[in-house]
PDB file of N, CA and C in Angstrom:
ATOM      1  N   UNK A   1       1.040  54.040  17.924  1.00  0.00           N
ATOM      2  CA  UNK A   1       0.432  52.855  17.346  1.00  0.00           C
ATOM      3  C   UNK A   1      -1.075  52.922  17.585  1.00  0.00           C
ATOM      4  N   UNK A   2      -1.828  52.530  16.606  1.00  0.00           N
ATOM      5  CA  UNK A   2      -3.278  52.496  16.756  1.00  0.00           C
ATOM      6  C   UNK A   2      -3.659  51.374  17.710  1.00  0.00           C
ATOM      7  N   UNK A   3      -4.883  51.424  18.171  1.00  0.00           N
ATOM      8  CA  UNK A   3      -5.353  50.375  19.064  1.00  0.00           C
ATOM      9  C   UNK A   3      -5.368  49.044  18.333  1.00  0.00           C
ATOM     10  N   UNK A   4      -4.802  48.039  18.976  1.00  0.00           N
ATOM     11  CA  UNK A   4      -4.788  46.695  18.415  1.00  0.00           C
ATOM     12  C   UNK A   4      -5.261  45.722  19.481  1.00  0.00           C
ATOM     13  N   UNK A   5      -5.692  44.568  19.049  1.00  0.00           N
ATOM     14  CA  UNK A   5      -6.204  43.562  19.975  1.00  0.00           C
ATOM     15  C   UNK A   5      -5.090  42.995  20.845  1.00  0.00           C
ATOM     16  N   UNK A   6      -5.487  42.410  21.937  1.00  0.00           N
ATOM     17  CA  UNK A   6      -4.508  41.757  22.812  1.00  0.00           C
ATOM     18  C   UNK A   6      -3.785  40.630  22.085  1.00  0.00           C
ATOM     19  N   UNK A   7      -4.483  39.935  21.205  1.00  0.00           N
ATOM     20  CA  UNK A   7      -3.857  38.862  20.441  1.00  0.00           C
ATOM     21  C   UNK A   7      -2.738  39.420  19.565  1.00  0.00           C
ATOM     22  N   UNK A   8      -3.007  40.525  18.883  1.00  0.00           N
ATOM     23  CA  UNK A   8      -1.985  41.141  18.041  1.00  0.00           C
ATOM     24  C   UNK A   8      -0.840  41.683  18.889  1.00  0.00           C
ATOM     25  N   UNK A   9      -1.147  42.256  20.044  1.00  0.00           N
ATOM     26  CA  UNK A   9      -0.093  42.727  20.944  1.00  0.00           C
ATOM     27  C   UNK A   9       0.830  41.582  21.363  1.00  0.00           C
ATOM     28  N   UNK A  10       0.251  40.403  21.603  1.00  0.00           N
ATOM     29  CA  UNK A  10       1.063  39.243  21.979  1.00  0.00           C
ATOM     30  C   UNK A  10       2.020  38.870  20.856  1.00  0.00           C
ATOM     31  N   UNK A  11       1.541  38.920  19.620  1.00  0.00           N
ATOM     32  CA  UNK A  11       2.397  38.585  18.482  1.00  0.00           C
ATOM     33  C   UNK A  11       3.482  39.652  18.304  1.00  0.00           C
ATOM     34  N   UNK A  12       3.135  40.928  18.503  1.00  0.00           N
ATOM     35  CA  UNK A  12       4.137  41.997  18.450  1.00  0.00           C
ATOM     36  C   UNK A  12       5.246  41.698  19.448  1.00  0.00           C
ATOM     37  N   UNK A  13       4.865  41.338  20.657  1.00  0.00           N
ATOM     38  CA  UNK A  13       5.857  41.021  21.684  1.00  0.00           C
ATOM     39  C   UNK A  13       6.711  39.813  21.301  1.00  0.00           C
ATOM     40  N   UNK A  14       6.112  38.812  20.669  1.00  0.00           N
ATOM     41  CA  UNK A  14       6.868  37.632  20.231  1.00  0.00           C
ATOM     42  C   UNK A  14       7.859  37.991  19.135  1.00  0.00           C
ATOM     43  N   UNK A  15       7.465  38.847  18.218  1.00  0.00           N
ATOM     44  CA  UNK A  15       8.370  39.285  17.150  1.00  0.00           C
ATOM     45  C   UNK A  15       9.499  40.114  17.749  1.00  0.00           C
ATOM     46  N   UNK A  16       9.142  41.058  18.623  1.00  0.00           N
ATOM     47  CA  UNK A  16      10.142  41.941  19.235  1.00  0.00           C
ATOM     48  C   UNK A  16      11.161  41.161  20.054  1.00  0.00           C
ATOM     49  N   UNK A  17      10.725  40.083  20.686  1.00  0.00           N
ATOM     50  CA  UNK A  17      11.631  39.292  21.522  1.00  0.00           C
ATOM     51  C   UNK A  17      12.450  38.291  20.706  1.00  0.00           C
ATOM     52  N   UNK A  18      12.096  38.123  19.435  1.00  0.00           N
ATOM     53  CA  UNK A  18      12.812  37.172  18.594  1.00  0.00           C
ATOM     54  C   UNK A  18      12.262  35.768  18.669  1.00  0.00           C
ATOM     55  N   UNK A  19      11.141  35.582  19.391  1.00  0.00           N
ATOM     56  CA  UNK A  19      10.539  34.253  19.504  1.00  0.00           C
ATOM     57  C   UNK A  19       9.974  33.763  18.173  1.00  0.00           C
ATOM     58  N   UNK A  20       9.462  34.683  17.379  1.00  0.00           N
ATOM     59  CA  UNK A  20       8.990  34.334  16.036  1.00  0.00           C
ATOM     60  C   UNK A  20       9.596  35.314  15.047  1.00  0.00           C
ATOM     61  N   UNK A  21       9.581  34.954  13.782  1.00  0.00           N
ATOM     62  CA  UNK A  21      10.265  35.741  12.763  1.00  0.00           C
ATOM     63  C   UNK A  21       9.542  37.007  12.362  1.00  0.00           C
ATOM     64  N   UNK A  22      10.329  37.976  11.966  1.00  0.00           N
ATOM     65  CA  UNK A  22       9.848  39.245  11.428  1.00  0.00           C
ATOM     66  C   UNK A  22       9.766  39.111   9.917  1.00  0.00           C
ATOM     67  N   UNK A  23       8.715  39.639   9.308  1.00  0.00           N
ATOM     68  CA  UNK A  23       8.539  39.607   7.861  1.00  0.00           C
ATOM     69  C   UNK A  23       8.850  40.993   7.312  1.00  0.00           C
ATOM     70  N   UNK A  24       9.924  41.086   6.541  1.00  0.00           N
ATOM     71  CA  UNK A  24      10.341  42.382   5.998  1.00  0.00           C
ATOM     72  C   UNK A  24       9.337  42.933   4.993  1.00  0.00           C
ATOM     73  N   UNK A  25       8.726  42.084   4.235  1.00  0.00           N
ATOM     74  CA  UNK A  25       7.737  42.499   3.223  1.00  0.00           C
ATOM     75  C   UNK A  25       6.349  42.454   3.850  1.00  0.00           C
ATOM     76  N   UNK A  26       6.144  43.292   4.851  1.00  0.00           N
ATOM     77  CA  UNK A  26       4.946  43.194   5.681  1.00  0.00           C
ATOM     78  C   UNK A  26       3.655  43.561   4.953  1.00  0.00           C
ATOM     79  N   UNK A  27       3.692  44.510   4.047  1.00  0.00           N
ATOM     80  CA  UNK A  27       2.464  44.875   3.337  1.00  0.00           C
ATOM     81  C   UNK A  27       2.023  43.731   2.431  1.00  0.00           C
ATOM     82  N   UNK A  28       2.971  43.127   1.727  1.00  0.00           N
ATOM     83  CA  UNK A  28       2.616  41.968   0.892  1.00  0.00           C
ATOM     84  C   UNK A  28       2.065  40.845   1.759  1.00  0.00           C
ATOM     85  N   UNK A  29       2.663  40.628   2.926  1.00  0.00           N
ATOM     86  CA  UNK A  29       2.183  39.608   3.853  1.00  0.00           C
ATOM     87  C   UNK A  29       0.747  39.908   4.283  1.00  0.00           C
ATOM     88  N   UNK A  30       0.473  41.172   4.605  1.00  0.00           N
ATOM     89  CA  UNK A  30      -0.875  41.562   5.032  1.00  0.00           C
ATOM     90  C   UNK A  30      -1.887  41.381   3.909  1.00  0.00           C
ATOM     91  N   UNK A  31      -1.544  41.799   2.710  1.00  0.00           N
ATOM     92  CA  UNK A  31      -2.456  41.652   1.570  1.00  0.00           C
ATOM     93  C   UNK A  31      -2.752  40.181   1.319  1.00  0.00           C
ATOM     94  N   UNK A  32      -1.728  39.353   1.328  1.00  0.00           N
ATOM     95  CA  UNK A  32      -1.910  37.922   1.095  1.00  0.00           C
ATOM     96  C   UNK A  32      -2.792  37.295   2.168  1.00  0.00           C
ATOM     97  N   UNK A  33      -2.542  37.651   3.414  1.00  0.00           N
ATOM     98  CA  UNK A  33      -3.332  37.107   4.520  1.00  0.00           C
ATOM     99  C   UNK A  33      -4.781  37.557   4.442  1.00  0.00           C
ATOM    100  N   UNK A  34      -4.998  38.838   4.188  1.00  0.00           N
ATOM    101  CA  UNK A  34      -6.360  39.343   4.060  1.00  0.00           C
ATOM    102  C   UNK A  34      -7.079  38.716   2.870  1.00  0.00           C
ATOM    103  N   UNK A  35      -6.366  38.497   1.781  1.00  0.00           N
ATOM    104  CA  UNK A  35      -6.960  37.861   0.610  1.00  0.00           C
ATOM    105  C   UNK A  35      -7.332  36.406   0.917  1.00  0.00           C
ATOM    106  N   UNK A  36      -6.486  35.727   1.674  1.00  0.00           N
ATOM    107  CA  UNK A  36      -6.814  34.358   2.092  1.00  0.00           C
ATOM    108  C   UNK A  36      -8.096  34.342   2.923  1.00  0.00           C
ATOM    109  N   UNK A  37      -8.223  35.300   3.827  1.00  0.00           N
ATOM    110  CA  UNK A  37      -9.439  35.400   4.648  1.00  0.00           C
ATOM    111  C   UNK A  37     -10.644  35.700   3.758  1.00  0.00           C
ATOM    112  N   UNK A  38     -10.489  36.605   2.814  1.00  0.00           N
ATOM    113  CA  UNK A  38     -11.585  36.967   1.910  1.00  0.00           C
ATOM    114  C   UNK A  38     -12.061  35.773   1.081  1.00  0.00           C
ATOM    115  N   UNK A  39     -11.166  34.840   0.806  1.00  0.00           N
ATOM    116  CA  UNK A  39     -11.518  33.680  -0.013  1.00  0.00           C
ATOM    117  C   UNK A  39     -11.933  32.462   0.795  1.00  0.00           C
ATOM    118  N   UNK A  40     -11.900  32.556   2.121  1.00  0.00           N
ATOM    119  CA  UNK A  40     -12.222  31.416   2.986  1.00  0.00           C
ATOM    120  C   UNK A  40     -13.733  31.306   3.162  1.00  0.00           C
ATOM    121  N   UNK A  41     -14.340  30.388   2.440  1.00  0.00           N
ATOM    122  CA  UNK A  41     -15.795  30.237   2.453  1.00  0.00           C
ATOM    123  C   UNK A  41     -16.342  29.706   3.772  1.00  0.00           C
ATOM    124  N   UNK A  42     -15.464  29.266   4.682  1.00  0.00           N
ATOM    125  CA  UNK A  42     -15.932  28.800   5.985  1.00  0.00           C
ATOM    126  C   UNK A  42     -16.201  29.959   6.942  1.00  0.00           C
ATOM    127  N   UNK A  43     -15.762  31.170   6.571  1.00  0.00           N
ATOM    128  CA  UNK A  43     -15.952  32.351   7.405  1.00  0.00           C
ATOM    129  C   UNK A  43     -17.229  33.081   7.010  1.00  0.00           C
ATOM    130  N   UNK A  44     -17.792  33.857   7.941  1.00  0.00           N
ATOM    131  CA  UNK A  44     -18.985  34.649   7.608  1.00  0.00           C
ATOM    132  C   UNK A  44     -18.685  35.659   6.495  1.00  0.00           C
ATOM    133  N   UNK A  45     -19.677  35.915   5.665  1.00  0.00           N
ATOM    134  CA  UNK A  45     -19.498  36.833   4.538  1.00  0.00           C
ATOM    135  C   UNK A  45     -19.073  38.224   5.001  1.00  0.00           C
ATOM    136  N   UNK A  46     -19.588  38.682   6.133  1.00  0.00           N
ATOM    137  CA  UNK A  46     -19.214  40.021   6.627  1.00  0.00           C
ATOM    138  C   UNK A  46     -17.719  40.102   6.924  1.00  0.00           C
ATOM    139  N   UNK A  47     -17.158  39.052   7.482  1.00  0.00           N
ATOM    140  CA  UNK A  47     -15.720  39.011   7.767  1.00  0.00           C
ATOM    141  C   UNK A  47     -14.937  38.998   6.469  1.00  0.00           C
ATOM    142  N   UNK A  48     -15.401  38.197   5.516  1.00  0.00           N
ATOM    143  CA  UNK A  48     -14.730  38.108   4.220  1.00  0.00           C
ATOM    144  C   UNK A  48     -14.758  39.449   3.495  1.00  0.00           C
ATOM    145  N   UNK A  49     -15.881  40.157   3.582  1.00  0.00           N
ATOM    146  CA  UNK A  49     -15.995  41.467   2.936  1.00  0.00           C
ATOM    147  C   UNK A  49     -15.043  42.478   3.560  1.00  0.00           C
ATOM    148  N   UNK A  50     -14.922  42.470   4.890  1.00  0.00           N
ATOM    149  CA  UNK A  50     -13.993  43.382   5.571  1.00  0.00           C
ATOM    150  C   UNK A  50     -12.560  43.094   5.148  1.00  0.00           C
ATOM    151  N   UNK A  51     -12.212  41.821   5.071  1.00  0.00           N
ATOM    152  CA  UNK A  51     -10.853  41.448   4.668  1.00  0.00           C
ATOM    153  C   UNK A  51     -10.583  41.875   3.228  1.00  0.00           C
ATOM    154  N   UNK A  52     -11.548  41.668   2.345  1.00  0.00           N
ATOM    155  CA  UNK A  52     -11.378  42.055   0.941  1.00  0.00           C
ATOM    156  C   UNK A  52     -11.222  43.566   0.812  1.00  0.00           C
ATOM    157  N   UNK A  53     -11.994  44.326   1.586  1.00  0.00           N
ATOM    158  CA  UNK A  53     -11.911  45.787   1.550  1.00  0.00           C
ATOM    159  C   UNK A  53     -10.527  46.248   2.008  1.00  0.00           C
ATOM    160  N   UNK A  54     -10.040  45.667   3.095  1.00  0.00           N
ATOM    161  CA  UNK A  54      -8.720  46.045   3.607  1.00  0.00           C
ATOM    162  C   UNK A  54      -7.624  45.650   2.621  1.00  0.00           C
ATOM    163  N   UNK A  55      -7.715  44.455   2.050  1.00  0.00           N
ATOM    164  CA  UNK A  55      -6.712  43.994   1.087  1.00  0.00           C
ATOM    165  C   UNK A  55      -6.691  44.893  -0.140  1.00  0.00           C
ATOM    166  N   UNK A  56      -7.862  45.248  -0.631  1.00  0.00           N
ATOM    167  CA  UNK A  56      -7.948  46.100  -1.818  1.00  0.00           C
ATOM    168  C   UNK A  56      -7.347  47.478  -1.551  1.00  0.00           C
ATOM    169  N   UNK A  57      -7.632  48.045  -0.388  1.00  0.00           N
ATOM    170  CA  UNK A  57      -7.071  49.357  -0.051  1.00  0.00           C
ATOM    171  C   UNK A  57      -5.559  49.306   0.080  1.00  0.00           C
ATOM    172  N   UNK A  58      -5.035  48.265   0.703  1.00  0.00           N
ATOM    173  CA  UNK A  58      -3.582  48.123   0.786  1.00  0.00           C
ATOM    174  C   UNK A  58      -2.978  47.942  -0.599  1.00  0.00           C
ATOM    175  N   UNK A  59      -3.623  47.148  -1.417  1.00  0.00           N
ATOM    176  CA  UNK A  59      -3.133  46.887  -2.767  1.00  0.00           C
ATOM    177  C   UNK A  59      -3.059  48.176  -3.588  1.00  0.00           C
ATOM    178  N   UNK A  60      -4.037  49.034  -3.417  1.00  0.00           N
ATOM    179  CA  UNK A  60      -4.095  50.276  -4.190  1.00  0.00           C
ATOM    180  C   UNK A  60      -3.310  51.420  -3.577  1.00  0.00           C
ATOM    181  N   UNK A  61      -2.870  51.245  -2.344  1.00  0.00           N
ATOM    182  CA  UNK A  61      -2.129  52.330  -1.682  1.00  0.00           C
ATOM    183  C   UNK A  61      -0.752  52.506  -2.309  1.00  0.00           C
ATOM    184  N   UNK A  62      -0.191  53.658  -2.083  1.00  0.00           N
ATOM    185  CA  UNK A  62       1.164  53.944  -2.567  1.00  0.00           C
ATOM    186  C   UNK A  62       2.166  53.411  -1.549  1.00  0.00           C
ATOM    187  N   UNK A  63       2.509  52.160  -1.696  1.00  0.00           N
ATOM    188  CA  UNK A  63       3.449  51.572  -0.739  1.00  0.00           C
ATOM    189  C   UNK A  63       4.663  51.018  -1.457  1.00  0.00           C
ATOM    190  N   UNK A  64       5.736  51.026  -0.756  1.00  0.00           N
ATOM    191  CA  UNK A  64       6.972  50.414  -1.227  1.00  0.00           C
ATOM    192  C   UNK A  64       7.266  49.286  -0.257  1.00  0.00           C
ATOM    193  N   UNK A  65       7.248  48.085  -0.738  1.00  0.00           N
ATOM    194  CA  UNK A  65       7.495  46.946   0.149  1.00  0.00           C
ATOM    195  C   UNK A  65       8.852  46.359  -0.090  1.00  0.00           C
TER     196      UNK A  65
END
């Protein structure tokens, strides 16, 4: 696994333990979440640009969800 933040590690542990739900369509979930961040005008433009770049790359990748 690539390096992830402690916050993300906590959520991984919650999913693994069954405390919160697992999303089977994870790529679609990630694209939707990143797109929401990209469209959130309350966030800094640099953050929005990073989210849009990541969402676009996932959208264009060869994935089966």
